[in-house]
């Protein structure tokens, strides 16, 4: 059978990811177009594909694929061309350890949390490569801003996860979900289980989501792109399919980071009273959808931070709060 052959199974998994990730990205793009339109009291996409404009993301994708793939004359061509691939590959790699049910996971690694954070950081390298190789001062400034921002917010992102690892006693993503499924307290004969966000990790959850927005360069943390000052930052010289890869990387990253946040803080595929093997994927997707909506809501609500405000938020507030959360979690873990 195919499941007994390693290479056949690997090819099947790669094929599924190659189909699912772009599909999910297009759905999120459409959701952002419609949600932002409603927030601003306008119609938004309406005609593409018929009523409600459901085919607008597909039309945009076809448009970008038909555009000429330009490379600046003075650019470092190999680095310039491979940068968007690295950004997208880093996002795709995160899906390896996201559990959609107890058995529906590509690989349940014992160091799953470590792998997720490491794989998610690969995109930083791609952004720096794009900014440096473009032979454009706007792109270089965008790349340097991205480096400063990603370094600043990588630390609170990691520290926010440490509290969950301490509380769960494991770095396996499936193990973390199972820890949240355990009974927290009883009401008569009925056992109540709570996600870690309601078991004392609400601060860690808030820090993780804020740092995620910064890692994805989403408003109010879009200083590396900042079209008003930097045209489009490290994306200035990109066109056609390579620009589309950056675009898909951002929206696939929204899904991936929301899936990780849901797994770590919101119970993942588990919901009380439902069979996780059957309903697990739907439960996780519902939680992911809620967090993606939150990210879209943030984008169309807040204005862009200044660079000094962005750095102050990370170093003066998020890092101390994350360290305090770790100390409190460790203390309560020992006491109880």
Protein backbone atom coordinates (compact mmCIF):
# COMPACT_ATOMS: atom_id res chain seq x y z
CA UNK A 1 0.00 0.00 0.00
CA UNK A 2 0.99 3.62 -0.46
CA UNK A 3 1.17 4.20 3.30
CA UNK A 4 3.87 1.53 3.60
CA UNK A 5 6.14 3.27 1.10
CA UNK A 6 8.04 6.21 2.60
CA UNK A 7 8.65 8.07 -0.66
CA UNK A 8 5.10 7.59 -1.91
CA UNK A 9 3.71 8.83 1.41
CA UNK A 10 6.09 11.80 1.37
CA UNK A 11 5.01 12.68 -2.16
CA UNK A 12 1.35 12.47 -1.14
CA UNK A 13 1.91 14.78 1.83
CA UNK A 14 3.79 17.29 -0.33
CA UNK A 15 0.99 17.21 -2.91
CA UNK A 16 -1.65 17.83 -0.25
CA UNK A 17 0.29 20.79 1.16
CA UNK A 18 0.87 22.17 -2.34
CA UNK A 19 -2.89 22.20 -2.89
CA UNK A 20 -4.10 23.17 0.58
CA UNK A 21 -1.77 26.09 1.38
CA UNK A 22 -2.47 28.16 -1.78
CA UNK A 23 -6.17 27.37 -1.42
CA UNK A 24 -6.25 28.54 2.19
CA UNK A 25 -4.25 31.65 1.27
CA UNK A 26 -6.75 32.57 -1.44
CA UNK A 27 -9.64 32.13 0.99
CA UNK A 28 -7.94 34.41 3.54
CA UNK A 29 -7.23 37.01 0.85
CA UNK A 30 -10.89 36.99 -0.16
CA UNK A 31 -11.94 37.24 3.50
CA UNK A 32 -9.68 40.26 3.99
CA UNK A 33 -11.07 41.96 0.89
CA UNK A 34 -14.67 41.52 2.03
CA UNK A 35 -14.12 42.18 5.76
CA UNK A 36 -12.11 45.34 5.10
CA UNK A 37 -14.79 46.52 2.67
CA UNK A 38 -17.53 46.09 5.27
CA UNK A 39 -15.41 47.86 7.89
CA UNK A 40 -15.08 50.82 5.55
CA UNK A 41 -18.74 50.76 4.44
CA UNK A 42 -18.04 49.84 0.82
CA UNK A 43 -18.95 46.92 -1.39
CA UNK A 44 -15.54 45.43 -2.12
CA UNK A 45 -15.09 42.70 -4.79
CA UNK A 46 -18.44 42.06 -6.39
CA UNK A 47 -18.31 40.98 -10.04
CA UNK A 48 -15.39 38.53 -10.44
CA UNK A 49 -16.86 35.03 -10.62
CA UNK A 50 -20.39 36.31 -10.22
CA UNK A 51 -22.12 37.70 -7.15
CA UNK A 52 -19.90 38.55 -4.13
CA UNK A 53 -16.72 38.49 -6.22
CA UNK A 54 -15.54 35.10 -4.95
CA UNK A 55 -13.08 34.75 -7.87
CA UNK A 56 -11.27 38.03 -7.19
CA UNK A 57 -8.20 36.36 -5.58
CA UNK A 58 -7.97 33.96 -8.54
CA UNK A 59 -8.16 36.89 -10.96
CA UNK A 60 -5.41 38.71 -9.07
CA UNK A 61 -3.26 35.56 -9.12
CA UNK A 62 -3.68 35.15 -12.89
CA UNK A 63 -2.86 38.83 -13.35
CA UNK A 64 0.43 38.52 -11.45
CA UNK A 65 1.37 35.32 -13.29
CA UNK A 66 1.01 37.13 -16.62
CA UNK A 67 3.21 40.03 -15.59
CA UNK A 68 6.84 40.11 -16.70
CA UNK A 69 9.34 38.76 -14.18
CA UNK A 70 11.83 41.63 -13.99
CA UNK A 71 15.26 41.51 -12.34
CA UNK A 72 17.17 44.78 -11.77
CA UNK A 73 20.35 45.09 -13.84
CA UNK A 74 22.63 45.51 -10.81
CA UNK A 75 20.84 42.97 -8.61
CA UNK A 76 22.49 39.83 -7.29
CA UNK A 77 20.42 37.62 -9.57
CA UNK A 78 20.67 34.22 -7.80
CA UNK A 79 19.94 35.71 -4.37
CA UNK A 80 17.19 37.95 -5.76
CA UNK A 81 15.42 35.02 -7.41
CA UNK A 82 15.63 32.56 -4.52
CA UNK A 83 14.54 34.99 -1.75
CA UNK A 84 10.74 34.63 -2.27
CA UNK A 85 11.13 30.84 -2.41
CA UNK A 86 12.80 30.83 0.99
CA UNK A 87 10.06 33.01 2.50
CA UNK A 88 7.36 30.67 1.19
CA UNK A 89 9.31 27.52 2.12
CA UNK A 90 9.69 28.71 5.71
CA UNK A 91 5.93 29.12 5.98
CA UNK A 92 5.20 25.73 4.41
CA UNK A 93 7.65 24.00 6.74
CA UNK A 94 5.58 25.03 9.77
CA UNK A 95 2.64 22.90 8.60
CA UNK A 96 4.67 19.74 9.17
CA UNK A 97 3.94 19.74 12.91
CA UNK A 98 0.44 21.30 13.04
CA UNK A 99 -1.97 18.59 14.30
CA UNK A 100 -5.47 18.72 12.81
CA UNK A 101 -6.49 15.69 14.90
CA UNK A 102 -4.64 13.18 17.11
CA UNK A 103 -3.65 11.22 13.99
CA UNK A 104 -3.96 13.82 11.22
CA UNK A 105 -0.50 15.35 11.50
CA UNK A 106 2.45 15.08 9.11
CA UNK A 107 4.93 14.45 11.93
CA UNK A 108 4.38 14.55 15.68
CA UNK A 109 7.86 15.66 16.77
CA UNK A 110 8.94 15.54 20.40
CA UNK A 111 10.47 18.98 19.80
CA UNK A 112 7.54 20.25 17.77
CA UNK A 113 7.42 23.70 19.36
CA UNK A 114 11.16 24.18 18.79
CA UNK A 115 10.77 23.09 15.16
CA UNK A 116 7.83 25.45 14.60
CA UNK A 117 9.70 28.47 15.92
CA UNK A 118 12.86 27.58 14.00
CA UNK A 119 11.03 26.97 10.70
CA UNK A 120 9.02 30.15 11.10
CA UNK A 121 12.24 32.15 11.41
CA UNK A 122 13.50 31.06 8.00
CA UNK A 123 11.38 33.76 6.38
CA UNK A 124 13.54 36.41 8.06
CA UNK A 125 16.51 35.23 6.00
CA UNK A 126 14.45 35.50 2.80
CA UNK A 127 13.38 39.06 3.62
CA UNK A 128 16.97 40.12 4.25
CA UNK A 129 18.08 38.45 1.01
CA UNK A 130 15.36 40.30 -0.91
CA UNK A 131 16.31 43.69 0.54
CA UNK A 132 20.07 43.26 0.10
CA UNK A 133 20.06 41.74 -3.39
CA UNK A 134 17.70 44.24 -5.05
CA UNK A 135 20.32 46.97 -5.59
CA UNK A 136 17.77 49.50 -4.42
CA UNK A 137 18.16 51.78 -1.40
CA UNK A 138 14.46 51.59 -0.55
CA UNK A 139 14.68 47.80 -0.59
CA UNK A 140 17.83 47.83 1.53
CA UNK A 141 16.24 50.12 4.12
CA UNK A 142 13.17 47.88 4.17
CA UNK A 143 15.35 44.83 4.71
CA UNK A 144 17.22 46.49 7.58
CA UNK A 145 13.95 47.60 9.18
CA UNK A 146 12.67 44.05 8.82
CA UNK A 147 15.79 42.65 10.49
CA UNK A 148 15.50 45.04 13.44
CA UNK A 149 11.79 44.33 13.81
CA UNK A 150 12.00 40.56 13.48
CA UNK A 151 14.89 40.31 15.93
CA UNK A 152 13.01 42.47 18.43
CA UNK A 153 9.77 40.47 18.24
CA UNK A 154 11.27 36.99 17.85
CA UNK A 155 12.29 37.11 21.52
CA UNK A 156 8.84 37.81 23.03
CA UNK A 157 7.33 35.29 20.59
CA UNK A 158 9.62 32.55 21.91
CA UNK A 159 9.26 33.61 25.55
CA UNK A 160 5.45 33.57 25.25
CA UNK A 161 5.63 29.92 24.20
CA UNK A 162 7.93 28.93 27.08
CA UNK A 163 5.09 29.37 29.58
CA UNK A 164 2.95 26.88 27.61
CA UNK A 165 5.80 24.36 27.45
CA UNK A 166 6.32 24.62 31.21
CA UNK A 167 2.62 24.18 31.92
CA UNK A 168 2.19 21.27 29.50
CA UNK A 169 5.47 19.57 30.38
CA UNK A 170 6.16 18.71 26.73
CA UNK A 171 7.19 20.32 23.44
CA UNK A 172 5.08 17.97 21.32
CA UNK A 173 2.19 19.81 19.68
CA UNK A 174 -0.13 16.81 20.13
CA UNK A 175 1.04 16.50 23.75
CA UNK A 176 0.21 20.16 24.38
CA UNK A 177 -3.33 19.68 23.04
CA UNK A 178 -3.75 16.56 25.21
CA UNK A 179 -2.57 18.52 28.25
CA UNK A 180 -5.32 21.07 27.62
CA UNK A 181 -7.89 18.27 27.22
CA UNK A 182 -7.24 17.04 30.77
CA UNK A 183 -9.84 17.84 33.41
CA UNK A 184 -9.14 21.17 35.10
CA UNK A 185 -11.88 21.02 37.74
CA UNK A 186 -15.18 19.23 38.39
CA UNK A 187 -18.75 20.49 38.58
CA UNK A 188 -20.46 17.59 40.29
CA UNK A 189 -19.64 14.54 38.17
CA UNK A 190 -18.86 16.66 35.12
CA UNK A 191 -15.19 17.36 34.44
CA UNK A 192 -14.29 20.73 32.92
CA UNK A 193 -11.19 21.18 30.74
CA UNK A 194 -9.91 24.60 29.76
CA UNK A 195 -7.43 25.79 27.12
CA UNK A 196 -4.18 27.27 28.38
CA UNK A 197 -5.41 30.77 27.51
CA UNK A 198 -7.92 30.31 30.35
CA UNK A 199 -5.48 28.46 32.61
CA UNK A 200 -3.24 31.43 33.26
CA UNK A 201 -1.60 31.92 29.86
CA UNK A 202 -3.77 34.82 28.68
CA UNK A 203 -0.77 37.17 28.89
CA UNK A 204 1.35 34.75 26.91
CA UNK A 205 -1.43 34.44 24.32
CA UNK A 206 -1.68 38.23 23.93
CA UNK A 207 2.11 38.55 23.58
CA UNK A 208 2.21 35.74 21.03
CA UNK A 209 -0.47 37.34 18.85
CA UNK A 210 1.15 40.79 18.98
CA UNK A 211 4.55 39.33 18.09
CA UNK A 212 2.93 37.31 15.29
CA UNK A 213 1.59 40.48 13.67
CA UNK A 214 5.09 41.95 13.84
CA UNK A 215 6.67 38.79 12.40
CA UNK A 216 4.25 38.90 9.47
CA UNK A 217 4.83 42.64 8.90
CA UNK A 218 1.12 43.29 9.30
CA UNK A 219 -0.29 46.68 10.28
CA UNK A 220 0.42 48.25 12.76
CA UNK A 221 3.88 46.65 12.33
CA UNK A 222 4.40 47.18 8.58
CA UNK A 223 7.40 49.50 8.86
CA UNK A 224 9.59 47.27 6.58
CA UNK A 225 7.11 47.86 3.72
CA UNK A 226 5.82 51.36 4.53
CA UNK A 227 4.77 52.39 1.02
CA UNK A 228 4.59 56.07 2.04
CA UNK A 229 8.35 56.22 2.77
CA UNK A 230 9.89 53.13 1.18
CA UNK A 231 7.54 52.60 -1.81
CA UNK A 232 7.19 48.91 -0.87
CA UNK A 233 10.42 48.28 1.06
CA UNK A 234 12.13 44.97 0.29
CA UNK A 235 9.37 44.20 -2.27
CA UNK A 236 10.00 47.31 -4.40
CA UNK A 237 11.84 45.55 -7.24
CA UNK A 238 9.73 42.39 -7.32
CA UNK A 239 7.06 41.74 -9.92
CA UNK A 240 5.06 38.90 -11.40
CA UNK A 241 5.16 35.47 -9.84
CA UNK A 242 7.95 36.35 -7.36
CA UNK A 243 5.88 39.16 -5.87
CA UNK A 244 2.97 36.71 -5.69
CA UNK A 245 5.13 34.28 -3.69
CA UNK A 246 5.79 36.96 -1.07
CA UNK A 247 2.07 37.74 -1.05
CA UNK A 248 1.07 34.08 -0.61
CA UNK A 249 3.77 33.69 2.05
CA UNK A 250 2.16 36.43 4.15
CA UNK A 251 -1.33 34.94 4.02
CA UNK A 252 -0.13 31.36 4.42
CA UNK A 253 1.85 32.67 7.39
CA UNK A 254 -1.35 34.08 8.89
CA UNK A 255 -2.91 30.63 8.68
CA UNK A 256 0.19 28.84 10.00
CA UNK A 257 0.72 31.15 12.97
CA UNK A 258 -2.99 31.11 13.80
CA UNK A 259 -2.89 27.31 13.74
CA UNK A 260 0.10 27.30 16.11
CA UNK A 261 -1.56 29.83 18.43
CA UNK A 262 -4.77 27.77 18.42
CA UNK A 263 -2.81 24.63 19.26
CA UNK A 264 -0.73 26.19 22.01
CA UNK A 265 -3.30 28.42 23.71
CA UNK A 266 -6.83 27.49 22.55
CA UNK A 267 -6.86 23.71 22.77
CA UNK A 268 -6.12 23.00 19.10
CA UNK A 269 -8.35 20.32 17.62
CA UNK A 270 -9.94 19.49 20.99
CA UNK A 271 -13.42 20.64 21.98
CA UNK A 272 -15.30 19.18 24.96
CA UNK A 273 -17.85 16.56 23.99
CA UNK A 274 -16.68 16.11 20.39
CA UNK A 275 -14.68 13.23 18.92
CA UNK A 276 -11.32 14.79 18.00
CA UNK A 277 -10.63 12.22 15.27
CA UNK A 278 -13.86 13.17 13.48
CA UNK A 279 -14.43 16.82 14.34
CA UNK A 280 -10.84 17.83 15.12
CA UNK A 281 -10.03 19.45 11.75
CA UNK A 282 -13.26 21.47 11.78
CA UNK A 283 -12.66 22.60 15.38
CA UNK A 284 -9.11 23.71 14.60
CA UNK A 285 -10.19 25.52 11.43
CA UNK A 286 -12.90 27.38 13.37
CA UNK A 287 -10.33 28.58 15.92
CA UNK A 288 -7.91 29.51 13.15
CA UNK A 289 -10.66 31.45 11.39
CA UNK A 290 -11.34 33.42 14.56
CA UNK A 291 -7.67 34.40 14.94
CA UNK A 292 -7.34 35.28 11.24
CA UNK A 293 -10.37 37.54 11.59
CA UNK A 294 -8.67 39.16 14.59
CA UNK A 295 -5.55 39.84 12.48
CA UNK A 296 -7.64 41.39 9.71
CA UNK A 297 -9.55 43.46 12.25
CA UNK A 298 -6.28 44.78 13.69
CA UNK A 299 -5.03 45.78 10.25
CA UNK A 300 -8.02 47.96 9.49
CA UNK A 301 -8.28 49.46 12.98
CA UNK A 302 -4.84 50.67 14.06
CA UNK A 303 -2.42 53.04 12.39
CA UNK A 304 1.23 52.24 11.75
CA UNK A 305 3.63 52.56 14.68
CA UNK A 306 6.76 54.70 14.48
CA UNK A 307 10.05 52.81 14.63
CA UNK A 308 10.80 54.01 18.17
CA UNK A 309 7.31 53.00 19.35
CA UNK A 310 7.69 49.61 17.70
CA UNK A 311 11.00 48.91 19.43
CA UNK A 312 9.83 50.28 22.78
CA UNK A 313 6.79 48.01 22.75
CA UNK A 314 8.97 44.95 22.22
CA UNK A 315 11.86 45.64 24.60
CA UNK A 316 10.18 47.69 27.35
CA UNK A 317 6.84 45.89 27.57
CA UNK A 318 6.54 42.55 25.84
CA UNK A 319 9.88 41.04 26.90
CA UNK A 320 9.48 41.94 30.62
CA UNK A 321 5.87 40.73 30.59
CA UNK A 322 6.90 37.46 28.93
CA UNK A 323 9.68 36.92 31.48
CA UNK A 324 7.25 37.64 34.31
CA UNK A 325 4.79 35.17 32.81
CA UNK A 326 7.49 32.48 32.71
CA UNK A 327 8.47 33.11 36.34
CA UNK A 328 4.84 32.99 37.49
CA UNK A 329 4.08 29.84 35.48
CA UNK A 330 7.19 28.07 36.79
CA UNK A 331 6.33 29.04 40.38
CA UNK A 332 2.75 27.79 40.12
CA UNK A 333 3.95 24.61 38.40
CA UNK A 334 6.22 23.82 41.35
CA UNK A 335 3.64 24.78 44.00
CA UNK A 336 0.72 22.90 42.48
